[in-house]
Amino acid sequence: MANRSSAPSLSGFHHLKIPVVDLDASLAWYQRVLGADHLTGLDHVDGGGTRYATMLAVPGLSVLIELRWAPAAAHALRECDLIVLALDTDEQFDEWIEHLDAHGVEHSPVLAGGGGPIIVIVDPDGKFIRLMKQPPGGLASQTMPANPPDPEGPWLDAPPMRHPRPTVRGS
């Protein structure tokens, strides 16, 4: 891998923090949709006894997820796709579509993304979570195609993540 720095080594992710508007609703959603286990012993509670964050273990993920009550941050991240989870097989896409439909979860159809097939899920606060096929050898072993799929549309080119179109010089 090019551009190695002399930075000290890291051991991996400790946990991933996701801001939410309604902690209880988000907790229920992550449990129902992703099969998350609520690690009650890691709940964050303030001096007045109010829970403001909770930790989750999601089957298949090696990193814990913290849901933190932070309404302004959750609103600011609406339609952002900060989380991309890996699927290994084409069959898993069908399983996930069936699961999402059974639970009434808003989602895209299977889309052609630049790195492979994608399903986009919408969480209770409008943040996008992508399910993407893990390429053989992992993502770092891949290169983006010369002509990736056009990201037009609400699922792949949501306004908060829209990149400016390049301008053509001399025209």
N, C-alpha and C. Protein backbone atom coordinates (compact mmCIF):
# COMPACT_ATOMS: atom_id res chain seq x y z
N MET A 1 0.85 -1.18 0.00
CA MET A 1 0.00 0.00 0.00
C MET A 1 0.90 1.24 0.00
N ALA A 2 0.63 2.17 -0.87
CA ALA A 2 1.47 3.36 -1.00
C ALA A 2 1.19 4.37 0.11
N ASN A 3 2.08 5.32 0.27
CA ASN A 3 1.94 6.44 1.20
C ASN A 3 1.89 6.02 2.66
N ARG A 4 2.65 5.03 3.04
CA ARG A 4 2.74 4.66 4.45
C ARG A 4 3.42 5.77 5.21
N SER A 5 2.86 6.13 6.33
CA SER A 5 3.48 7.17 7.15
C SER A 5 4.26 6.51 8.28
N SER A 6 4.92 7.34 9.03
CA SER A 6 5.66 6.83 10.18
C SER A 6 4.84 6.96 11.46
N ALA A 7 3.53 7.08 11.31
CA ALA A 7 2.65 7.19 12.48
C ALA A 7 2.71 5.90 13.30
N PRO A 8 2.55 6.01 14.60
CA PRO A 8 2.50 4.79 15.44
C PRO A 8 1.34 3.90 15.00
N SER A 9 1.43 2.63 15.29
CA SER A 9 0.40 1.68 14.86
C SER A 9 -0.88 1.83 15.68
N LEU A 10 -1.97 1.42 15.07
CA LEU A 10 -3.27 1.35 15.73
C LEU A 10 -3.66 -0.11 15.86
N SER A 11 -4.57 -0.39 16.75
CA SER A 11 -5.01 -1.77 16.97
C SER A 11 -6.37 -2.06 16.35
N GLY A 12 -7.02 -1.06 15.78
CA GLY A 12 -8.34 -1.25 15.19
C GLY A 12 -9.31 -0.21 15.72
N PHE A 13 -10.58 -0.38 15.41
CA PHE A 13 -11.61 0.50 15.93
C PHE A 13 -11.97 0.09 17.35
N HIS A 14 -12.17 1.06 18.22
CA HIS A 14 -12.65 0.77 19.58
C HIS A 14 -14.17 0.65 19.55
N HIS A 15 -14.83 1.69 19.05
CA HIS A 15 -16.27 1.64 18.81
C HIS A 15 -16.65 2.75 17.84
N LEU A 16 -17.83 2.65 17.30
CA LEU A 16 -18.35 3.61 16.34
C LEU A 16 -19.50 4.35 17.02
N LYS A 17 -19.45 5.68 17.00
CA LYS A 17 -20.47 6.49 17.69
C LYS A 17 -21.43 7.08 16.66
N ILE A 18 -22.73 6.84 16.87
CA ILE A 18 -23.76 7.32 15.96
C ILE A 18 -24.70 8.25 16.72
N PRO A 19 -24.81 9.52 16.30
CA PRO A 19 -25.73 10.43 16.97
C PRO A 19 -27.17 10.12 16.59
N VAL A 20 -28.08 10.21 17.56
CA VAL A 20 -29.49 9.91 17.32
C VAL A 20 -30.37 10.99 17.95
N VAL A 21 -31.59 11.10 17.43
CA VAL A 21 -32.58 12.05 17.96
C VAL A 21 -33.32 11.43 19.14
N ASP A 22 -33.75 10.19 18.99
CA ASP A 22 -34.53 9.49 20.02
C ASP A 22 -33.80 8.20 20.36
N LEU A 23 -33.15 8.16 21.51
CA LEU A 23 -32.31 7.02 21.89
C LEU A 23 -33.12 5.72 21.95
N ASP A 24 -34.29 5.75 22.56
CA ASP A 24 -35.09 4.52 22.69
C ASP A 24 -35.55 4.00 21.34
N ALA A 25 -36.02 4.91 20.46
CA ALA A 25 -36.48 4.48 19.13
C ALA A 25 -35.32 3.93 18.31
N SER A 26 -34.16 4.56 18.38
CA SER A 26 -33.01 4.08 17.63
C SER A 26 -32.52 2.74 18.17
N LEU A 27 -32.50 2.60 19.49
CA LEU A 27 -32.09 1.33 20.08
C LEU A 27 -33.01 0.20 19.59
N ALA A 28 -34.31 0.43 19.63
CA ALA A 28 -35.26 -0.59 19.17
C ALA A 28 -35.05 -0.91 17.69
N TRP A 29 -34.78 0.12 16.87
CA TRP A 29 -34.56 -0.08 15.44
C TRP A 29 -33.31 -0.92 15.18
N TYR A 30 -32.19 -0.58 15.82
CA TYR A 30 -30.95 -1.32 15.61
C TYR A 30 -31.07 -2.76 16.10
N GLN A 31 -31.85 -2.97 17.16
CA GLN A 31 -32.08 -4.34 17.63
C GLN A 31 -32.92 -5.12 16.61
N ARG A 32 -33.99 -4.51 16.14
CA ARG A 32 -34.92 -5.17 15.22
C ARG A 32 -34.29 -5.39 13.84
N VAL A 33 -33.62 -4.36 13.33
CA VAL A 33 -33.14 -4.41 11.95
C VAL A 33 -31.78 -5.08 11.82
N LEU A 34 -30.84 -4.77 12.70
CA LEU A 34 -29.49 -5.34 12.59
C LEU A 34 -29.25 -6.48 13.58
N GLY A 35 -30.25 -6.81 14.40
CA GLY A 35 -30.07 -7.90 15.36
C GLY A 35 -29.12 -7.54 16.48
N ALA A 36 -28.99 -6.25 16.79
CA ALA A 36 -28.03 -5.78 17.79
C ALA A 36 -28.42 -6.23 19.20
N ASP A 37 -27.40 -6.53 19.98
CA ASP A 37 -27.57 -6.81 21.41
C ASP A 37 -27.25 -5.54 22.19
N HIS A 38 -28.15 -5.15 23.08
CA HIS A 38 -27.95 -3.98 23.93
C HIS A 38 -27.06 -4.39 25.10
N LEU A 39 -25.90 -3.78 25.21
CA LEU A 39 -24.96 -4.07 26.30
C LEU A 39 -25.28 -3.12 27.45
N THR A 40 -26.28 -3.48 28.25
CA THR A 40 -26.82 -2.59 29.28
C THR A 40 -25.77 -2.15 30.29
N GLY A 41 -24.78 -2.97 30.55
CA GLY A 41 -23.73 -2.60 31.50
C GLY A 41 -22.85 -1.46 31.02
N LEU A 42 -22.96 -1.11 29.74
CA LEU A 42 -22.17 -0.02 29.18
C LEU A 42 -23.00 1.23 28.91
N ASP A 43 -24.26 1.24 29.38
CA ASP A 43 -25.08 2.44 29.22
C ASP A 43 -24.39 3.63 29.87
N HIS A 44 -24.49 4.79 29.22
CA HIS A 44 -23.95 6.04 29.76
C HIS A 44 -25.11 6.77 30.43
N VAL A 45 -24.98 7.05 31.72
CA VAL A 45 -26.05 7.68 32.49
C VAL A 45 -25.49 8.91 33.19
N ASP A 46 -26.22 10.03 33.09
CA ASP A 46 -25.73 11.25 33.74
C ASP A 46 -26.03 11.24 35.24
N GLY A 47 -25.60 12.27 35.94
CA GLY A 47 -25.78 12.36 37.39
C GLY A 47 -27.23 12.35 37.84
N GLY A 48 -28.14 12.73 36.94
CA GLY A 48 -29.56 12.73 37.27
C GLY A 48 -30.25 11.41 36.96
N GLY A 49 -29.49 10.43 36.48
CA GLY A 49 -30.05 9.12 36.18
C GLY A 49 -30.60 8.95 34.77
N THR A 50 -30.36 9.94 33.91
CA THR A 50 -30.86 9.87 32.54
C THR A 50 -29.83 9.20 31.63
N ARG A 51 -30.28 8.17 30.93
CA ARG A 51 -29.40 7.50 29.96
C ARG A 51 -29.27 8.39 28.73
N TYR A 52 -28.03 8.67 28.31
CA TYR A 52 -27.80 9.50 27.13
C TYR A 52 -27.04 8.76 26.03
N ALA A 53 -26.58 7.56 26.31
CA ALA A 53 -25.91 6.75 25.28
C ALA A 53 -25.99 5.29 25.68
N THR A 54 -25.94 4.44 24.68
CA THR A 54 -25.96 3.01 24.91
C THR A 54 -25.05 2.32 23.91
N MET A 55 -24.55 1.17 24.29
CA MET A 55 -23.63 0.42 23.44
C MET A 55 -24.32 -0.84 22.91
N LEU A 56 -24.00 -1.17 21.66
CA LEU A 56 -24.59 -2.32 20.98
C LEU A 56 -23.51 -3.21 20.39
N ALA A 57 -23.76 -4.51 20.41
CA ALA A 57 -22.94 -5.48 19.69
C ALA A 57 -23.81 -6.01 18.55
N VAL A 58 -23.31 -5.88 17.33
CA VAL A 58 -24.05 -6.32 16.16
C VAL A 58 -23.41 -7.59 15.62
N PRO A 59 -24.19 -8.66 15.45
CA PRO A 59 -23.62 -9.90 14.93
C PRO A 59 -22.88 -9.67 13.61
N GLY A 60 -21.68 -10.22 13.51
CA GLY A 60 -20.88 -10.08 12.30
C GLY A 60 -19.93 -8.90 12.31
N LEU A 61 -20.09 -7.98 13.27
CA LEU A 61 -19.20 -6.82 13.36
C LEU A 61 -18.25 -6.99 14.53
N SER A 62 -17.01 -6.64 14.33
CA SER A 62 -16.02 -6.74 15.41
C SER A 62 -15.93 -5.46 16.22
N VAL A 63 -16.65 -4.44 15.82
CA VAL A 63 -16.62 -3.16 16.52
C VAL A 63 -18.00 -2.91 17.16
N LEU A 64 -17.99 -2.35 18.36
CA LEU A 64 -19.24 -2.00 19.03
C LEU A 64 -19.79 -0.70 18.45
N ILE A 65 -21.10 -0.52 18.57
CA ILE A 65 -21.75 0.71 18.13
C ILE A 65 -22.31 1.42 19.35
N GLU A 66 -22.00 2.70 19.47
CA GLU A 66 -22.59 3.54 20.52
C GLU A 66 -23.65 4.41 19.87
N LEU A 67 -24.86 4.35 20.40
CA LEU A 67 -25.91 5.29 20.02
C LEU A 67 -25.90 6.38 21.07
N ARG A 68 -25.72 7.63 20.64
CA ARG A 68 -25.62 8.74 21.58
C ARG A 68 -26.69 9.78 21.26
N TRP A 69 -27.43 10.17 22.29
CA TRP A 69 -28.44 11.20 22.12
C TRP A 69 -27.74 12.51 21.79
N ALA A 70 -27.90 12.95 20.54
CA ALA A 70 -27.29 14.19 20.05
C ALA A 70 -28.14 14.66 18.86
N PRO A 71 -29.33 15.22 19.14
CA PRO A 71 -30.26 15.55 18.06
C PRO A 71 -29.70 16.46 16.97
N ALA A 72 -28.96 17.50 17.34
CA ALA A 72 -28.43 18.41 16.31
C ALA A 72 -27.48 17.68 15.37
N ALA A 73 -26.61 16.85 15.92
CA ALA A 73 -25.67 16.10 15.08
C ALA A 73 -26.43 15.09 14.21
N ALA A 74 -27.44 14.44 14.77
CA ALA A 74 -28.22 13.47 14.00
C ALA A 74 -28.93 14.15 12.83
N HIS A 75 -29.50 15.33 13.06
CA HIS A 75 -30.16 16.08 11.98
C HIS A 75 -29.15 16.48 10.92
N ALA A 76 -27.97 16.91 11.33
CA ALA A 76 -26.94 17.34 10.37
C ALA A 76 -26.48 16.20 9.48
N LEU A 77 -26.58 14.96 9.96
CA LEU A 77 -26.11 13.81 9.20
C LEU A 77 -27.22 13.13 8.39
N ARG A 78 -28.40 13.73 8.38
CA ARG A 78 -29.52 13.16 7.62
C ARG A 78 -29.09 12.96 6.17
N GLU A 79 -29.37 11.79 5.63
CA GLU A 79 -29.05 11.37 4.26
C GLU A 79 -27.56 11.16 4.02
N CYS A 80 -26.74 11.22 5.06
CA CYS A 80 -25.33 10.87 4.90
C CYS A 80 -25.20 9.35 5.03
N ASP A 81 -24.23 8.81 4.34
CA ASP A 81 -24.03 7.36 4.37
C ASP A 81 -22.66 7.05 4.97
N LEU A 82 -22.54 7.28 6.26
CA LEU A 82 -21.27 7.11 6.95
C LEU A 82 -20.92 5.65 7.21
N ILE A 83 -21.91 4.79 7.20
CA ILE A 83 -21.67 3.38 7.54
C ILE A 83 -21.95 2.52 6.32
N VAL A 84 -20.96 1.69 5.97
CA VAL A 84 -21.11 0.73 4.88
C VAL A 84 -20.74 -0.64 5.44
N LEU A 85 -21.72 -1.53 5.50
CA LEU A 85 -21.51 -2.87 6.06
C LEU A 85 -21.33 -3.87 4.92
N ALA A 86 -20.51 -4.88 5.15
CA ALA A 86 -20.15 -5.84 4.10
C ALA A 86 -21.07 -7.05 4.07
N LEU A 87 -21.40 -7.47 2.87
CA LEU A 87 -22.07 -8.75 2.61
C LEU A 87 -21.11 -9.58 1.76
N ASP A 88 -21.13 -10.89 1.95
CA ASP A 88 -20.20 -11.76 1.23
C ASP A 88 -20.76 -12.38 -0.05
N THR A 89 -22.08 -12.59 -0.09
CA THR A 89 -22.65 -13.33 -1.22
C THR A 89 -23.84 -12.59 -1.83
N ASP A 90 -24.13 -12.93 -3.09
CA ASP A 90 -25.30 -12.35 -3.76
C ASP A 90 -26.59 -12.77 -3.05
N GLU A 91 -26.61 -13.98 -2.49
CA GLU A 91 -27.80 -14.48 -1.80
C GLU A 91 -28.15 -13.61 -0.60
N GLN A 92 -27.14 -13.03 0.04
CA GLN A 92 -27.40 -12.18 1.20
C GLN A 92 -28.23 -10.95 0.84
N PHE A 93 -28.09 -10.46 -0.39
CA PHE A 93 -28.89 -9.31 -0.81
C PHE A 93 -30.37 -9.66 -0.78
N ASP A 94 -30.72 -10.83 -1.32
CA ASP A 94 -32.12 -11.28 -1.30
C ASP A 94 -32.61 -11.46 0.14
N GLU A 95 -31.77 -12.04 1.00
CA GLU A 95 -32.14 -12.23 2.40
C GLU A 95 -32.39 -10.90 3.09
N TRP A 96 -31.53 -9.91 2.82
CA TRP A 96 -31.69 -8.60 3.45
C TRP A 96 -32.94 -7.88 2.95
N ILE A 97 -33.20 -7.93 1.65
CA ILE A 97 -34.41 -7.29 1.11
C ILE A 97 -35.64 -7.90 1.78
N GLU A 98 -35.68 -9.22 1.89
CA GLU A 98 -36.81 -9.90 2.53
C GLU A 98 -36.92 -9.47 4.00
N HIS A 99 -35.81 -9.43 4.71
CA HIS A 99 -35.79 -9.03 6.12
C HIS A 99 -36.26 -7.58 6.29
N LEU A 100 -35.74 -6.69 5.47
CA LEU A 100 -36.11 -5.27 5.57
C LEU A 100 -37.59 -5.08 5.27
N ASP A 101 -38.08 -5.74 4.24
CA ASP A 101 -39.51 -5.65 3.90
C ASP A 101 -40.37 -6.18 5.04
N ALA A 102 -39.96 -7.28 5.65
CA ALA A 102 -40.73 -7.88 6.76
C ALA A 102 -40.81 -6.94 7.96
N HIS A 103 -39.81 -6.08 8.11
CA HIS A 103 -39.78 -5.15 9.25
C HIS A 103 -40.19 -3.73 8.86
N GLY A 104 -40.66 -3.54 7.64
CA GLY A 104 -41.14 -2.23 7.21
C GLY A 104 -40.06 -1.16 7.16
N VAL A 105 -38.83 -1.56 6.84
CA VAL A 105 -37.71 -0.63 6.81
C VAL A 105 -37.54 -0.06 5.41
N GLU A 106 -37.50 1.28 5.31
CA GLU A 106 -37.28 1.93 4.03
C GLU A 106 -35.89 1.54 3.50
N HIS A 107 -35.84 1.18 2.21
CA HIS A 107 -34.56 0.79 1.61
C HIS A 107 -34.63 0.94 0.10
N SER A 108 -33.45 0.97 -0.50
CA SER A 108 -33.35 1.00 -1.96
C SER A 108 -33.50 -0.40 -2.51
N PRO A 109 -33.67 -0.51 -3.83
CA PRO A 109 -33.48 -1.82 -4.44
C PRO A 109 -31.97 -2.11 -4.46
N VAL A 110 -31.58 -3.28 -4.94
CA VAL A 110 -30.15 -3.55 -5.11
C VAL A 110 -29.67 -2.65 -6.24
N LEU A 111 -28.67 -1.84 -5.94
CA LEU A 111 -28.14 -0.86 -6.89
C LEU A 111 -26.74 -1.27 -7.34
N ALA A 112 -26.33 -0.80 -8.51
CA ALA A 112 -24.96 -1.01 -8.98
C ALA A 112 -24.12 0.17 -8.53
N GLY A 113 -23.25 -0.06 -7.55
CA GLY A 113 -22.34 0.98 -7.10
C GLY A 113 -20.98 0.81 -7.75
N GLY A 114 -20.13 1.80 -7.60
CA GLY A 114 -18.80 1.74 -8.19
C GLY A 114 -17.97 0.59 -7.68
N GLY A 115 -18.21 0.18 -6.43
CA GLY A 115 -17.45 -0.92 -5.85
C GLY A 115 -18.21 -2.23 -5.81
N GLY A 116 -19.41 -2.26 -6.38
CA GLY A 116 -20.20 -3.49 -6.38
C GLY A 116 -21.64 -3.22 -5.99
N PRO A 117 -22.45 -4.28 -5.87
CA PRO A 117 -23.86 -4.11 -5.53
C PRO A 117 -24.05 -3.50 -4.14
N ILE A 118 -25.12 -2.71 -4.00
CA ILE A 118 -25.40 -1.98 -2.76
C ILE A 118 -26.90 -2.00 -2.49
N ILE A 119 -27.25 -2.09 -1.21
CA ILE A 119 -28.60 -1.77 -0.73
C ILE A 119 -28.41 -0.62 0.25
N VAL A 120 -29.27 0.38 0.18
CA VAL A 120 -29.21 1.50 1.11
C VAL A 120 -30.43 1.42 2.03
N ILE A 121 -30.17 1.45 3.34
CA ILE A 121 -31.21 1.40 4.37
C ILE A 121 -31.30 2.78 5.00
N VAL A 122 -32.50 3.17 5.44
CA VAL A 122 -32.68 4.45 6.12
C VAL A 122 -32.99 4.18 7.59
N ASP A 123 -32.17 4.75 8.50
CA ASP A 123 -32.39 4.57 9.93
C ASP A 123 -33.45 5.55 10.42
N PRO A 124 -33.87 5.50 11.69
CA PRO A 124 -34.96 6.36 12.17
C PRO A 124 -34.70 7.86 12.03
N ASP A 125 -33.44 8.26 11.95
CA ASP A 125 -33.11 9.68 11.82
C ASP A 125 -32.81 10.09 10.39
N GLY A 126 -33.02 9.19 9.44
CA GLY A 126 -32.78 9.52 8.04
C GLY A 126 -31.35 9.34 7.58
N LYS A 127 -30.50 8.75 8.43
CA LYS A 127 -29.13 8.46 7.99
C LYS A 127 -29.16 7.21 7.14
N PHE A 128 -28.30 7.17 6.13
CA PHE A 128 -28.23 6.02 5.23
C PHE A 128 -27.18 5.04 5.75
N ILE A 129 -27.53 3.77 5.74
CA ILE A 129 -26.59 2.69 6.03
C ILE A 129 -26.55 1.83 4.78
N ARG A 130 -25.36 1.63 4.25
CA ARG A 130 -25.22 0.84 3.03
C ARG A 130 -24.81 -0.59 3.37
N LEU A 131 -25.38 -1.53 2.63
CA LEU A 131 -24.95 -2.92 2.66
C LEU A 131 -24.31 -3.16 1.29
N MET A 132 -23.04 -3.54 1.28
CA MET A 132 -22.30 -3.63 0.02
C MET A 132 -21.56 -4.96 -0.05
N LYS A 133 -21.50 -5.53 -1.24
CA LYS A 133 -20.80 -6.80 -1.41
C LYS A 133 -19.30 -6.59 -1.24
N GLN A 134 -18.72 -7.42 -0.38
CA GLN A 134 -17.28 -7.39 -0.14
C GLN A 134 -16.59 -8.04 -1.34
N PRO A 135 -15.72 -7.31 -2.05
CA PRO A 135 -15.05 -7.92 -3.20
C PRO A 135 -14.00 -8.94 -2.76
N PRO A 136 -13.70 -9.90 -3.62
CA PRO A 136 -12.65 -10.86 -3.28
C PRO A 136 -11.35 -10.12 -2.97
N GLY A 137 -10.70 -10.48 -1.89
CA GLY A 137 -9.46 -9.81 -1.51
C GLY A 137 -9.68 -8.53 -0.72
N GLY A 138 -10.95 -8.14 -0.50
CA GLY A 138 -11.25 -6.93 0.26
C GLY A 138 -11.23 -5.67 -0.59
N LEU A 139 -11.81 -4.62 -0.08
CA LEU A 139 -11.95 -3.37 -0.83
C LEU A 139 -10.60 -2.74 -1.18
N ALA A 140 -9.64 -2.82 -0.29
CA ALA A 140 -8.34 -2.18 -0.54
C ALA A 140 -7.61 -2.81 -1.72
N SER A 141 -7.99 -4.02 -2.12
CA SER A 141 -7.34 -4.67 -3.25
C SER A 141 -7.97 -4.27 -4.59
N GLN A 142 -9.00 -3.44 -4.56
CA GLN A 142 -9.74 -3.06 -5.76
C GLN A 142 -9.35 -1.67 -6.25
N THR A 143 -9.77 -1.35 -7.46
CA THR A 143 -9.68 0.02 -7.97
C THR A 143 -11.06 0.39 -8.47
N MET A 144 -11.37 1.67 -8.43
CA MET A 144 -12.66 2.12 -8.95
C MET A 144 -12.67 1.95 -10.46
N PRO A 145 -13.80 1.54 -11.02
CA PRO A 145 -13.86 1.40 -12.47
C PRO A 145 -13.67 2.75 -13.15
N ALA A 146 -13.17 2.71 -14.39
CA ALA A 146 -12.92 3.94 -15.14
C ALA A 146 -14.21 4.73 -15.33
N ASN A 147 -15.31 4.04 -15.53
CA ASN A 147 -16.61 4.68 -15.72
C ASN A 147 -17.59 4.12 -14.71
N PRO A 148 -17.49 4.57 -13.44
CA PRO A 148 -18.39 4.02 -12.42
C PRO A 148 -19.84 4.39 -12.73
N PRO A 149 -20.78 3.65 -12.15
CA PRO A 149 -22.19 3.99 -12.37
C PRO A 149 -22.46 5.44 -11.98
N ASP A 150 -23.35 6.08 -12.73
CA ASP A 150 -23.70 7.47 -12.43
C ASP A 150 -24.45 7.50 -11.11
N PRO A 151 -23.99 8.30 -10.14
CA PRO A 151 -24.62 8.29 -8.82
C PRO A 151 -25.89 9.12 -8.72
N GLU A 152 -26.54 9.41 -9.83
CA GLU A 152 -27.76 10.21 -9.77
C GLU A 152 -28.83 9.46 -8.99
N GLY A 153 -29.68 10.21 -8.34
CA GLY A 153 -30.79 9.60 -7.63
C GLY A 153 -30.63 9.73 -6.13
N PRO A 154 -31.72 9.53 -5.42
CA PRO A 154 -31.71 9.79 -3.98
C PRO A 154 -30.88 8.81 -3.16
N TRP A 155 -30.61 7.63 -3.67
CA TRP A 155 -29.92 6.62 -2.87
C TRP A 155 -28.41 6.74 -2.94
N LEU A 156 -27.87 7.08 -4.08
CA LEU A 156 -26.41 7.13 -4.23
C LEU A 156 -25.87 8.54 -4.29
N ASP A 157 -26.73 9.53 -4.47
CA ASP A 157 -26.25 10.91 -4.59
C ASP A 157 -27.13 11.84 -3.76
N ALA A 158 -27.29 11.49 -2.48
CA ALA A 158 -28.10 12.33 -1.59
C ALA A 158 -27.42 13.69 -1.43
N PRO A 159 -28.19 14.76 -1.30
CA PRO A 159 -27.61 16.11 -1.24
C PRO A 159 -26.45 16.29 -0.27
N PRO A 160 -26.48 15.77 0.97
CA PRO A 160 -25.36 16.02 1.87
C PRO A 160 -24.05 15.40 1.40
N MET A 161 -24.12 14.38 0.56
CA MET A 161 -22.91 13.68 0.12
C MET A 161 -22.57 14.00 -1.33
N ARG A 162 -23.31 14.89 -1.96
CA ARG A 162 -23.12 15.18 -3.38
C ARG A 162 -21.79 15.89 -3.58
N HIS A 163 -21.04 15.40 -4.52
CA HIS A 163 -19.77 16.04 -4.86
C HIS A 163 -20.00 16.96 -6.05
N PRO A 164 -19.24 18.06 -6.12
CA PRO A 164 -19.43 18.96 -7.26
C PRO A 164 -18.98 18.29 -8.55
N ARG A 165 -19.69 18.57 -9.60
CA ARG A 165 -19.31 18.04 -10.91
C ARG A 165 -18.06 18.79 -11.39
N PRO A 166 -17.11 18.06 -11.95
CA PRO A 166 -15.91 18.75 -12.44
C PRO A 166 -16.25 19.65 -13.61
N THR A 167 -15.57 20.77 -13.70
CA THR A 167 -15.77 21.66 -14.83
C THR A 167 -14.77 21.30 -15.91
N VAL A 168 -15.18 21.47 -17.14
CA VAL A 168 -14.30 21.18 -18.26
C VAL A 168 -13.60 22.47 -18.64
N ARG A 169 -12.29 22.46 -18.62
CA ARG A 169 -11.52 23.66 -18.96
C ARG A 169 -11.57 23.91 -20.46
N GLY A 170 -11.62 25.18 -20.80
CA GLY A 170 -11.56 25.57 -22.20
C GLY A 170 -12.90 25.49 -22.91
N SER A 171 -13.98 25.29 -22.17
CA SER A 171 -15.27 25.24 -22.87
C SER A 171 -16.13 26.40 -22.49
